[in-house]
Amino acid sequence: MDWKTDNNRWVKEFEFSNFIEAVEFVNKIVPLAESADHHPDILVHSYKKVRIELFTHSKGKITDKDYDLAKEIDKII
């Protein structure tokens, strides 16, 4: 799945082989988010799926910060 707009957020769902891989992926996002000072909403569900939602709360919309972080997240896959 590519990134898509859902409920005014930039969203993508990732699926892994197991729970450990899903959590390891989330842990790789942490330094990217901290470095950008832009923190996504992250949901680990169905034991091996990760849903990432990006939205710039201070602007009330999706901004370049969201697109930039999405590109960085895609690089770690």
PDB file of N, CA and C in Angstrom:
ATOM      1  N   MET A   1       0.833  -1.188   0.000  1.00  0.00           N
ATOM      2  CA  MET A   1       0.000   0.000   0.000  1.00  0.00           C
ATOM      3  C   MET A   1       0.876   1.248   0.000  1.00  0.00           C
ATOM      4  N   ASP A   2       0.502   2.186  -0.802  1.00  0.00           N
ATOM      5  CA  ASP A   2       1.177   3.473  -0.796  1.00  0.00           C
ATOM      6  C   ASP A   2       0.550   4.357   0.281  1.00  0.00           C
ATOM      7  N   TRP A   3       1.212   5.462   0.565  1.00  0.00           N
ATOM      8  CA  TRP A   3       0.652   6.449   1.489  1.00  0.00           C
ATOM      9  C   TRP A   3      -0.627   6.998   0.876  1.00  0.00           C
ATOM     10  N   LYS A   4      -1.627   7.199   1.716  1.00  0.00           N
ATOM     11  CA  LYS A   4      -2.899   7.754   1.239  1.00  0.00           C
ATOM     12  C   LYS A   4      -3.446   8.714   2.279  1.00  0.00           C
ATOM     13  N   THR A   5      -4.354   9.545   1.854  1.00  0.00           N
ATOM     14  CA  THR A   5      -5.031  10.455   2.766  1.00  0.00           C
ATOM     15  C   THR A   5      -6.236   9.730   3.353  1.00  0.00           C
ATOM     16  N   ASP A   6      -6.323   9.766   4.672  1.00  0.00           N
ATOM     17  CA  ASP A   6      -7.434   9.141   5.374  1.00  0.00           C
ATOM     18  C   ASP A   6      -7.764  10.005   6.586  1.00  0.00           C
ATOM     19  N   ASN A   7      -8.955  10.569   6.595  1.00  0.00           N
ATOM     20  CA  ASN A   7      -9.389  11.404   7.712  1.00  0.00           C
ATOM     21  C   ASN A   7      -8.405  12.551   7.970  1.00  0.00           C
ATOM     22  N   ASN A   8      -7.982  13.206   6.888  1.00  0.00           N
ATOM     23  CA  ASN A   8      -7.055  14.338   6.950  1.00  0.00           C
ATOM     24  C   ASN A   8      -5.687  13.981   7.527  1.00  0.00           C
ATOM     25  N   ARG A   9      -5.287  12.733   7.345  1.00  0.00           N
ATOM     26  CA  ARG A   9      -3.967  12.288   7.779  1.00  0.00           C
ATOM     27  C   ARG A   9      -3.303  11.541   6.632  1.00  0.00           C
ATOM     28  N   TRP A  10      -1.976  11.534   6.635  1.00  0.00           N
ATOM     29  CA  TRP A  10      -1.185  10.807   5.648  1.00  0.00           C
ATOM     30  C   TRP A  10      -0.917   9.448   6.289  1.00  0.00           C
ATOM     31  N   VAL A  11      -1.427   8.373   5.689  1.00  0.00           N
ATOM     32  CA  VAL A  11      -1.492   7.063   6.347  1.00  0.00           C
ATOM     33  C   VAL A  11      -0.898   5.970   5.472  1.00  0.00           C
ATOM     34  N   LYS A  12      -0.234   5.030   6.157  1.00  0.00           N
ATOM     35  CA  LYS A  12       0.241   3.836   5.468  1.00  0.00           C
ATOM     36  C   LYS A  12       0.239   2.674   6.448  1.00  0.00           C
ATOM     37  N   GLU A  13      -0.107   1.519   5.924  1.00  0.00           N
ATOM     38  CA  GLU A  13      -0.131   0.288   6.716  1.00  0.00           C
ATOM     39  C   GLU A  13       1.000  -0.622   6.231  1.00  0.00           C
ATOM     40  N   PHE A  14       1.721  -1.169   7.176  1.00  0.00           N
ATOM     41  CA  PHE A  14       2.820  -2.080   6.883  1.00  0.00           C
ATOM     42  C   PHE A  14       2.501  -3.433   7.509  1.00  0.00           C
ATOM     43  N   GLU A  15       2.877  -4.509   6.827  1.00  0.00           N
ATOM     44  CA  GLU A  15       2.669  -5.843   7.377  1.00  0.00           C
ATOM     45  C   GLU A  15       3.997  -6.591   7.406  1.00  0.00           C
ATOM     46  N   PHE A  16       4.235  -7.268   8.508  1.00  0.00           N
ATOM     47  CA  PHE A  16       5.489  -7.982   8.717  1.00  0.00           C
ATOM     48  C   PHE A  16       5.206  -9.458   8.954  1.00  0.00           C
ATOM     49  N   SER A  17       6.252 -10.233   9.082  1.00  0.00           N
ATOM     50  CA  SER A  17       6.101 -11.677   9.274  1.00  0.00           C
ATOM     51  C   SER A  17       5.610 -12.033  10.674  1.00  0.00           C
ATOM     52  N   ASN A  18       5.960 -11.172  11.642  1.00  0.00           N
ATOM     53  CA  ASN A  18       5.597 -11.484  13.021  1.00  0.00           C
ATOM     54  C   ASN A  18       5.637 -10.212  13.869  1.00  0.00           C
ATOM     55  N   PHE A  19       5.283 -10.356  15.128  1.00  0.00           N
ATOM     56  CA  PHE A  19       5.221  -9.243  16.064  1.00  0.00           C
ATOM     57  C   PHE A  19       6.590  -8.605  16.283  1.00  0.00           C
ATOM     58  N   ILE A  20       7.609  -9.421  16.399  1.00  0.00           N
ATOM     59  CA  ILE A  20       8.956  -8.896  16.646  1.00  0.00           C
ATOM     60  C   ILE A  20       9.395  -7.971  15.517  1.00  0.00           C
ATOM     61  N   GLU A  21       9.190  -8.372  14.283  1.00  0.00           N
ATOM     62  CA  GLU A  21       9.556  -7.527  13.139  1.00  0.00           C
ATOM     63  C   GLU A  21       8.756  -6.232  13.145  1.00  0.00           C
ATOM     64  N   ALA A  22       7.495  -6.297  13.504  1.00  0.00           N
ATOM     65  CA  ALA A  22       6.658  -5.095  13.549  1.00  0.00           C
ATOM     66  C   ALA A  22       7.191  -4.107  14.580  1.00  0.00           C
ATOM     67  N   VAL A  23       7.530  -4.601  15.758  1.00  0.00           N
ATOM     68  CA  VAL A  23       8.044  -3.729  16.820  1.00  0.00           C
ATOM     69  C   VAL A  23       9.429  -3.198  16.468  1.00  0.00           C
ATOM     70  N   GLU A  24      10.267  -4.013  15.858  1.00  0.00           N
ATOM     71  CA  GLU A  24      11.590  -3.543  15.426  1.00  0.00           C
ATOM     72  C   GLU A  24      11.450  -2.402  14.423  1.00  0.00           C
ATOM     73  N   PHE A  25      10.480  -2.496  13.536  1.00  0.00           N
ATOM     74  CA  PHE A  25      10.216  -1.431  12.569  1.00  0.00           C
ATOM     75  C   PHE A  25       9.843  -0.139  13.290  1.00  0.00           C
ATOM     76  N   VAL A  26       8.938  -0.243  14.258  1.00  0.00           N
ATOM     77  CA  VAL A  26       8.541   0.933  15.038  1.00  0.00           C
ATOM     78  C   VAL A  26       9.755   1.541  15.723  1.00  0.00           C
ATOM     79  N   ASN A  27      10.602   0.718  16.282  1.00  0.00           N
ATOM     80  CA  ASN A  27      11.798   1.218  16.967  1.00  0.00           C
ATOM     81  C   ASN A  27      12.747   1.948  16.016  1.00  0.00           C
ATOM     82  N   LYS A  28      12.737   1.599  14.751  1.00  0.00           N
ATOM     83  CA  LYS A  28      13.566   2.306  13.766  1.00  0.00           C
ATOM     84  C   LYS A  28      12.976   3.674  13.416  1.00  0.00           C
ATOM     85  N   ILE A  29      11.681   3.821  13.587  1.00  0.00           N
ATOM     86  CA  ILE A  29      11.022   5.100  13.308  1.00  0.00           C
ATOM     87  C   ILE A  29      11.334   6.128  14.388  1.00  0.00           C
ATOM     88  N   VAL A  30      11.518   5.674  15.613  1.00  0.00           N
ATOM     89  CA  VAL A  30      11.716   6.571  16.754  1.00  0.00           C
ATOM     90  C   VAL A  30      12.814   7.601  16.512  1.00  0.00           C
ATOM     91  N   PRO A  31      14.037   7.205  16.125  1.00  0.00           N
ATOM     92  CA  PRO A  31      15.068   8.235  15.930  1.00  0.00           C
ATOM     93  C   PRO A  31      14.755   9.190  14.778  1.00  0.00           C
ATOM     94  N   LEU A  32      14.084   8.702  13.744  1.00  0.00           N
ATOM     95  CA  LEU A  32      13.691   9.581  12.632  1.00  0.00           C
ATOM     96  C   LEU A  32      12.724  10.648  13.121  1.00  0.00           C
ATOM     97  N   ALA A  33      11.745  10.227  13.898  1.00  0.00           N
ATOM     98  CA  ALA A  33      10.738  11.158  14.412  1.00  0.00           C
ATOM     99  C   ALA A  33      11.367  12.158  15.379  1.00  0.00           C
ATOM    100  N   GLU A  34      12.237  11.688  16.237  1.00  0.00           N
ATOM    101  CA  GLU A  34      12.903  12.577  17.186  1.00  0.00           C
ATOM    102  C   GLU A  34      13.769  13.603  16.463  1.00  0.00           C
ATOM    103  N   SER A  35      14.508  13.143  15.470  1.00  0.00           N
ATOM    104  CA  SER A  35      15.383  14.024  14.702  1.00  0.00           C
ATOM    105  C   SER A  35      14.578  15.114  13.991  1.00  0.00           C
ATOM    106  N   ALA A  36      13.420  14.746  13.483  1.00  0.00           N
ATOM    107  CA  ALA A  36      12.567  15.698  12.759  1.00  0.00           C
ATOM    108  C   ALA A  36      11.687  16.514  13.713  1.00  0.00           C
ATOM    109  N   ASP A  37      11.686  16.143  14.988  1.00  0.00           N
ATOM    110  CA  ASP A  37      10.785  16.746  15.976  1.00  0.00           C
ATOM    111  C   ASP A  37       9.349  16.710  15.447  1.00  0.00           C
ATOM    112  N   HIS A  38       8.994  15.540  14.927  1.00  0.00           N
ATOM    113  CA  HIS A  38       7.683  15.331  14.321  1.00  0.00           C
ATOM    114  C   HIS A  38       7.289  13.886  14.602  1.00  0.00           C
ATOM    115  N   HIS A  39       6.256  13.701  15.397  1.00  0.00           N
ATOM    116  CA  HIS A  39       5.958  12.384  15.932  1.00  0.00           C
ATOM    117  C   HIS A  39       4.656  11.818  15.374  1.00  0.00           C
ATOM    118  N   PRO A  40       4.748  10.688  14.687  1.00  0.00           N
ATOM    119  CA  PRO A  40       3.563  10.079  14.098  1.00  0.00           C
ATOM    120  C   PRO A  40       2.719   9.353  15.137  1.00  0.00           C
ATOM    121  N   ASP A  41       1.486   9.128  14.796  1.00  0.00           N
ATOM    122  CA  ASP A  41       0.662   8.199  15.554  1.00  0.00           C
ATOM    123  C   ASP A  41       0.964   6.813  14.995  1.00  0.00           C
ATOM    124  N   ILE A  42       1.257   5.877  15.887  1.00  0.00           N
ATOM    125  CA  ILE A  42       1.649   4.530  15.475  1.00  0.00           C
ATOM    126  C   ILE A  42       0.762   3.524  16.182  1.00  0.00           C
ATOM    127  N   LEU A  43       0.208   2.609  15.398  1.00  0.00           N
ATOM    128  CA  LEU A  43      -0.625   1.554  15.950  1.00  0.00           C
ATOM    129  C   LEU A  43      -0.063   0.208  15.499  1.00  0.00           C
ATOM    130  N   VAL A  44       0.287  -0.636  16.456  1.00  0.00           N
ATOM    131  CA  VAL A  44       0.651  -2.015  16.159  1.00  0.00           C
ATOM    132  C   VAL A  44      -0.612  -2.830  16.418  1.00  0.00           C
ATOM    133  N   HIS A  45      -1.063  -3.560  15.410  1.00  0.00           N
ATOM    134  CA  HIS A  45      -2.297  -4.328  15.569  1.00  0.00           C
ATOM    135  C   HIS A  45      -2.214  -5.646  14.813  1.00  0.00           C
ATOM    136  N   SER A  46      -3.130  -6.521  15.111  1.00  0.00           N
ATOM    137  CA  SER A  46      -3.187  -7.845  14.488  1.00  0.00           C
ATOM    138  C   SER A  46      -1.831  -8.550  14.575  1.00  0.00           C
ATOM    139  N   TYR A  47      -1.095  -8.259  15.576  1.00  0.00           N
ATOM    140  CA  TYR A  47       0.208  -8.790  15.985  1.00  0.00           C
ATOM    141  C   TYR A  47       1.348  -8.565  15.003  1.00  0.00           C
ATOM    142  N   LYS A  48       1.068  -8.236  13.762  1.00  0.00           N
ATOM    143  CA  LYS A  48       2.171  -8.062  12.809  1.00  0.00           C
ATOM    144  C   LYS A  48       1.966  -6.896  11.840  1.00  0.00           C
ATOM    145  N   LYS A  49       0.990  -6.061  12.110  1.00  0.00           N
ATOM    146  CA  LYS A  49       0.721  -4.913  11.248  1.00  0.00           C
ATOM    147  C   LYS A  49       1.008  -3.625  12.009  1.00  0.00           C
ATOM    148  N   VAL A  50       1.486  -2.630  11.252  1.00  0.00           N
ATOM    149  CA  VAL A  50       1.778  -1.316  11.826  1.00  0.00           C
ATOM    150  C   VAL A  50       1.106  -0.276  10.948  1.00  0.00           C
ATOM    151  N   ARG A  51       0.306   0.563  11.579  1.00  0.00           N
ATOM    152  CA  ARG A  51      -0.346   1.674  10.877  1.00  0.00           C
ATOM    153  C   ARG A  51       0.317   2.959  11.351  1.00  0.00           C
ATOM    154  N   ILE A  52       0.811   3.733  10.387  1.00  0.00           N
ATOM    155  CA  ILE A  52       1.438   5.021  10.664  1.00  0.00           C
ATOM    156  C   ILE A  52       0.505   6.120  10.169  1.00  0.00           C
ATOM    157  N   GLU A  53       0.248   7.106  11.020  1.00  0.00           N
ATOM    158  CA  GLU A  53      -0.556   8.268  10.643  1.00  0.00           C
ATOM    159  C   GLU A  53       0.268   9.520  10.895  1.00  0.00           C
ATOM    160  N   LEU A  54       0.399  10.332   9.862  1.00  0.00           N
ATOM    161  CA  LEU A  54       1.148  11.586   9.951  1.00  0.00           C
ATOM    162  C   LEU A  54       0.195  12.762   9.759  1.00  0.00           C
ATOM    163  N   PHE A  55       0.387  13.777  10.593  1.00  0.00           N
ATOM    164  CA  PHE A  55      -0.471  14.956  10.577  1.00  0.00           C
ATOM    165  C   PHE A  55       0.237  16.033  11.386  1.00  0.00           C
ATOM    166  N   THR A  56       0.308  17.230  10.877  1.00  0.00           N
ATOM    167  CA  THR A  56       0.943  18.326  11.612  1.00  0.00           C
ATOM    168  C   THR A  56      -0.121  19.014  12.452  1.00  0.00           C
ATOM    169  N   HIS A  57      -0.168  18.647  13.723  1.00  0.00           N
ATOM    170  CA  HIS A  57      -1.205  19.147  14.621  1.00  0.00           C
ATOM    171  C   HIS A  57      -1.186  20.674  14.725  1.00  0.00           C
ATOM    172  N   SER A  58       0.004  21.253  14.771  1.00  0.00           N
ATOM    173  CA  SER A  58       0.099  22.707  14.940  1.00  0.00           C
ATOM    174  C   SER A  58      -0.466  23.473  13.741  1.00  0.00           C
ATOM    175  N   LYS A  59      -0.489  22.845  12.578  1.00  0.00           N
ATOM    176  CA  LYS A  59      -1.025  23.489  11.363  1.00  0.00           C
ATOM    177  C   LYS A  59      -2.449  23.027  11.044  1.00  0.00           C
ATOM    178  N   GLY A  60      -2.871  21.950  11.679  1.00  0.00           N
ATOM    179  CA  GLY A  60      -4.213  21.437  11.424  1.00  0.00           C
ATOM    180  C   GLY A  60      -4.375  20.785  10.072  1.00  0.00           C
ATOM    181  N   LYS A  61      -3.265  20.323   9.494  1.00  0.00           N
ATOM    182  CA  LYS A  61      -3.328  19.701   8.170  1.00  0.00           C
ATOM    183  C   LYS A  61      -2.042  18.907   7.897  1.00  0.00           C
ATOM    184  N   ILE A  62      -2.034  18.214   6.790  1.00  0.00           N
ATOM    185  CA  ILE A  62      -0.833  17.516   6.322  1.00  0.00           C
ATOM    186  C   ILE A  62       0.098  18.565   5.721  1.00  0.00           C
ATOM    187  N   THR A  63       1.380  18.514   6.110  1.00  0.00           N
ATOM    188  CA  THR A  63       2.358  19.488   5.612  1.00  0.00           C
ATOM    189  C   THR A  63       3.578  18.767   5.058  1.00  0.00           C
ATOM    190  N   ASP A  64       4.536  19.548   4.602  1.00  0.00           N
ATOM    191  CA  ASP A  64       5.786  18.981   4.090  1.00  0.00           C
ATOM    192  C   ASP A  64       6.504  18.140   5.139  1.00  0.00           C
ATOM    193  N   LYS A  65       6.355  18.483   6.412  1.00  0.00           N
ATOM    194  CA  LYS A  65       6.970  17.682   7.475  1.00  0.00           C
ATOM    195  C   LYS A  65       6.458  16.243   7.428  1.00  0.00           C
ATOM    196  N   ASP A  66       5.187  16.081   7.125  1.00  0.00           N
ATOM    197  CA  ASP A  66       4.592  14.751   7.044  1.00  0.00           C
ATOM    198  C   ASP A  66       5.122  13.985   5.835  1.00  0.00           C
ATOM    199  N   TYR A  67       5.159  14.664   4.701  1.00  0.00           N
ATOM    200  CA  TYR A  67       5.667  14.007   3.497  1.00  0.00           C
ATOM    201  C   TYR A  67       7.147  13.644   3.656  1.00  0.00           C
ATOM    202  N   ASP A  68       7.914  14.527   4.270  1.00  0.00           N
ATOM    203  CA  ASP A  68       9.346  14.267   4.479  1.00  0.00           C
ATOM    204  C   ASP A  68       9.564  13.070   5.407  1.00  0.00           C
ATOM    205  N   LEU A  69       8.814  13.005   6.496  1.00  0.00           N
ATOM    206  CA  LEU A  69       8.961  11.878   7.412  1.00  0.00           C
ATOM    207  C   LEU A  69       8.495  10.590   6.764  1.00  0.00           C
ATOM    208  N   ALA A  70       7.447  10.647   5.960  1.00  0.00           N
ATOM    209  CA  ALA A  70       6.974   9.462   5.240  1.00  0.00           C
ATOM    210  C   ALA A  70       8.073   8.911   4.333  1.00  0.00           C
ATOM    211  N   LYS A  71       8.777   9.780   3.633  1.00  0.00           N
ATOM    212  CA  LYS A  71       9.878   9.344   2.757  1.00  0.00           C
ATOM    213  C   LYS A  71      10.962   8.652   3.561  1.00  0.00           C
ATOM    214  N   GLU A  72      11.289   9.194   4.739  1.00  0.00           N
ATOM    215  CA  GLU A  72      12.308   8.591   5.587  1.00  0.00           C
ATOM    216  C   GLU A  72      11.853   7.224   6.125  1.00  0.00           C
ATOM    217  N   ILE A  73      10.598   7.126   6.480  1.00  0.00           N
ATOM    218  CA  ILE A  73      10.058   5.854   6.958  1.00  0.00           C
ATOM    219  C   ILE A  73      10.127   4.811   5.850  1.00  0.00           C
ATOM    220  N   ASP A  74       9.779   5.192   4.630  1.00  0.00           N
ATOM    221  CA  ASP A  74       9.839   4.239   3.511  1.00  0.00           C
ATOM    222  C   ASP A  74      11.255   3.729   3.260  1.00  0.00           C
ATOM    223  N   LYS A  75      12.239   4.517   3.563  1.00  0.00           N
ATOM    224  CA  LYS A  75      13.631   4.108   3.344  1.00  0.00           C
ATOM    225  C   LYS A  75      14.075   2.976   4.274  1.00  0.00           C
ATOM    226  N   ILE A  76      13.435   2.837   5.433  1.00  0.00           N
ATOM    227  CA  ILE A  76      13.884   1.804   6.378  1.00  0.00           C
ATOM    228  C   ILE A  76      13.243   0.451   6.133  1.00  0.00           C
ATOM    229  N   ILE A  77      12.345   0.387   5.194  1.00  0.00           N
ATOM    230  CA  ILE A  77      11.706  -0.914   4.859  1.00  0.00           C
ATOM    231  C   ILE A  77      12.650  -1.765   4.048  1.00  0.00           C
TER     232      ILE A  77
END
